[in-house]
Amino acid sequence: MLRVRETEPAQRALLAAGQPAEMLPDGSIEVISATAIERPDEINSLLVKAGTPPTQLVVEEEELEQYFLRLVGMHGEKQNE
């Protein structure tokens, strides 16, 4: 997860570098790739070189249960019985 001052140029730079990036409703950008998790410094360098340095960069690893719930569309919400 990262924040930048100018989101569109940052997203374009990430996509051009082969890093899938999704804009979130809160204005942050989510990058989901092994590189982003394992080498956040490379993501930082990429954005600095593109002229859109991150103002915040946070590495969050999703737990298997959360991943599964996201895949099936539950987003961590309990279903009514």
C-alpha atoms as a PDB file:
ATOM      1  CA  MET A   1       0.000   0.000   0.000  1.00  0.00           C
ATOM      2  CA  LEU A   2       1.326   3.399  -0.834  1.00  0.00           C
ATOM      3  CA  ARG A   3       0.366   7.028  -1.022  1.00  0.00           C
ATOM      4  CA  VAL A   4       1.711   9.639  -3.389  1.00  0.00           C
ATOM      5  CA  ARG A   5       0.832  13.243  -4.102  1.00  0.00           C
ATOM      6  CA  GLU A   6      -0.095  12.519  -7.732  1.00  0.00           C
ATOM      7  CA  THR A   7      -1.775   9.133  -8.053  1.00  0.00           C
ATOM      8  CA  GLU A   8      -2.319   8.870 -11.806  1.00  0.00           C
ATOM      9  CA  PRO A   9       1.349   9.335 -12.843  1.00  0.00           C
ATOM     10  CA  ALA A  10       2.397   6.915 -10.090  1.00  0.00           C
ATOM     11  CA  GLN A  11      -0.077   4.285 -11.249  1.00  0.00           C
ATOM     12  CA  ARG A  12       1.086   4.685 -14.859  1.00  0.00           C
ATOM     13  CA  ALA A  13       4.748   4.294 -13.798  1.00  0.00           C
ATOM     14  CA  LEU A  14       3.935   1.152 -11.816  1.00  0.00           C
ATOM     15  CA  LEU A  15       1.942  -0.384 -14.652  1.00  0.00           C
ATOM     16  CA  ALA A  16       4.689   0.459 -17.177  1.00  0.00           C
ATOM     17  CA  ALA A  17       7.151  -1.382 -14.919  1.00  0.00           C
ATOM     18  CA  GLY A  18       4.921  -4.466 -14.823  1.00  0.00           C
ATOM     19  CA  GLN A  19       3.643  -3.840 -11.301  1.00  0.00           C
ATOM     20  CA  PRO A  20      -0.146  -4.273 -11.089  1.00  0.00           C
ATOM     21  CA  ALA A  21      -1.510  -1.272  -9.211  1.00  0.00           C
ATOM     22  CA  GLU A  22      -5.061  -0.547  -8.134  1.00  0.00           C
ATOM     23  CA  MET A  23      -6.414   2.799  -6.962  1.00  0.00           C
ATOM     24  CA  LEU A  24      -8.391   2.447  -3.750  1.00  0.00           C
ATOM     25  CA  PRO A  25     -11.336   4.657  -2.713  1.00  0.00           C
ATOM     26  CA  ASP A  26      -9.268   6.277   0.055  1.00  0.00           C
ATOM     27  CA  GLY A  27      -6.732   7.597  -2.492  1.00  0.00           C
ATOM     28  CA  SER A  28      -4.025   5.058  -1.767  1.00  0.00           C
ATOM     29  CA  ILE A  29      -2.558   2.650  -4.317  1.00  0.00           C
ATOM     30  CA  GLU A  30      -2.408  -1.089  -3.756  1.00  0.00           C
ATOM     31  CA  VAL A  31       0.385  -2.968  -5.486  1.00  0.00           C
ATOM     32  CA  ILE A  32      -0.033  -6.742  -5.430  1.00  0.00           C
ATOM     33  CA  SER A  33       3.079  -8.538  -6.580  1.00  0.00           C
ATOM     34  CA  ALA A  34       5.837 -10.601  -5.052  1.00  0.00           C
ATOM     35  CA  THR A  35       8.320  -7.827  -5.883  1.00  0.00           C
ATOM     36  CA  ALA A  36       6.280  -5.225  -4.026  1.00  0.00           C
ATOM     37  CA  ILE A  37       6.258  -7.361  -0.890  1.00  0.00           C
ATOM     38  CA  GLU A  38       9.802  -8.723  -1.080  1.00  0.00           C
ATOM     39  CA  ARG A  39      11.543  -5.581  -2.440  1.00  0.00           C
ATOM     40  CA  PRO A  40       9.591  -2.446  -1.477  1.00  0.00           C
ATOM     41  CA  ASP A  41      12.806  -0.465  -1.972  1.00  0.00           C
ATOM     42  CA  GLU A  42      12.565  -1.190  -5.713  1.00  0.00           C
ATOM     43  CA  ILE A  43       9.008   0.144  -5.788  1.00  0.00           C
ATOM     44  CA  ASN A  44      10.188   3.249  -3.939  1.00  0.00           C
ATOM     45  CA  SER A  45      13.084   3.780  -6.379  1.00  0.00           C
ATOM     46  CA  LEU A  46      10.805   3.279  -9.371  1.00  0.00           C
ATOM     47  CA  LEU A  47       8.415   5.960  -8.145  1.00  0.00           C
ATOM     48  CA  VAL A  48      11.198   8.394  -7.258  1.00  0.00           C
ATOM     49  CA  LYS A  49      12.712   7.990 -10.743  1.00  0.00           C
ATOM     50  CA  ALA A  50       9.244   8.591 -12.253  1.00  0.00           C
ATOM     51  CA  GLY A  51       8.981  11.873 -10.333  1.00  0.00           C
ATOM     52  CA  THR A  52       6.219  10.686  -7.994  1.00  0.00           C
ATOM     53  CA  PRO A  53       7.953   9.733  -4.742  1.00  0.00           C
ATOM     54  CA  PRO A  54       5.771   7.956  -2.193  1.00  0.00           C
ATOM     55  CA  THR A  55       4.692   9.891   0.867  1.00  0.00           C
ATOM     56  CA  GLN A  56       3.878   6.575   2.555  1.00  0.00           C
ATOM     57  CA  LEU A  57       4.806   2.983   1.746  1.00  0.00           C
ATOM     58  CA  VAL A  58       3.545   0.119   3.909  1.00  0.00           C
ATOM     59  CA  VAL A  59       4.135  -3.582   3.327  1.00  0.00           C
ATOM     60  CA  GLU A  60       1.187  -5.717   4.376  1.00  0.00           C
ATOM     61  CA  GLU A  61       1.188  -9.455   3.875  1.00  0.00           C
ATOM     62  CA  GLU A  62      -2.279 -10.916   3.624  1.00  0.00           C
ATOM     63  CA  GLU A  63      -3.020 -13.974   5.713  1.00  0.00           C
ATOM     64  CA  LEU A  64      -4.319 -17.056   3.915  1.00  0.00           C
ATOM     65  CA  GLU A  65      -7.766 -16.749   5.515  1.00  0.00           C
ATOM     66  CA  GLN A  66      -8.143 -13.100   4.437  1.00  0.00           C
ATOM     67  CA  TYR A  67      -6.995 -14.006   0.930  1.00  0.00           C
ATOM     68  CA  PHE A  68      -9.618 -16.752   0.709  1.00  0.00           C
ATOM     69  CA  LEU A  69     -12.390 -14.501   2.000  1.00  0.00           C
ATOM     70  CA  ARG A  70     -11.430 -11.806  -0.507  1.00  0.00           C
ATOM     71  CA  LEU A  71     -11.483 -14.356  -3.324  1.00  0.00           C
ATOM     72  CA  VAL A  72     -14.963 -15.564  -2.455  1.00  0.00           C
ATOM     73  CA  GLY A  73     -16.200 -12.005  -1.985  1.00  0.00           C
ATOM     74  CA  MET A  74     -16.892 -11.994   1.735  1.00  0.00           C
ATOM     75  CA  HIS A  75     -14.347  -9.274   2.634  1.00  0.00           C
ATOM     76  CA  GLY A  76     -14.254 -10.485   6.217  1.00  0.00           C
ATOM     77  CA  GLU A  77     -17.976  -9.951   6.802  1.00  0.00           C
ATOM     78  CA  LYS A  78     -20.037 -12.634   8.512  1.00  0.00           C
ATOM     79  CA  GLN A  79     -22.942 -14.019   6.569  1.00  0.00           C
ATOM     80  CA  ASN A  80     -26.389 -13.909   8.156  1.00  0.00           C
ATOM     81  CA  GLU A  81     -27.683 -17.334   9.134  1.00  0.00           C
END
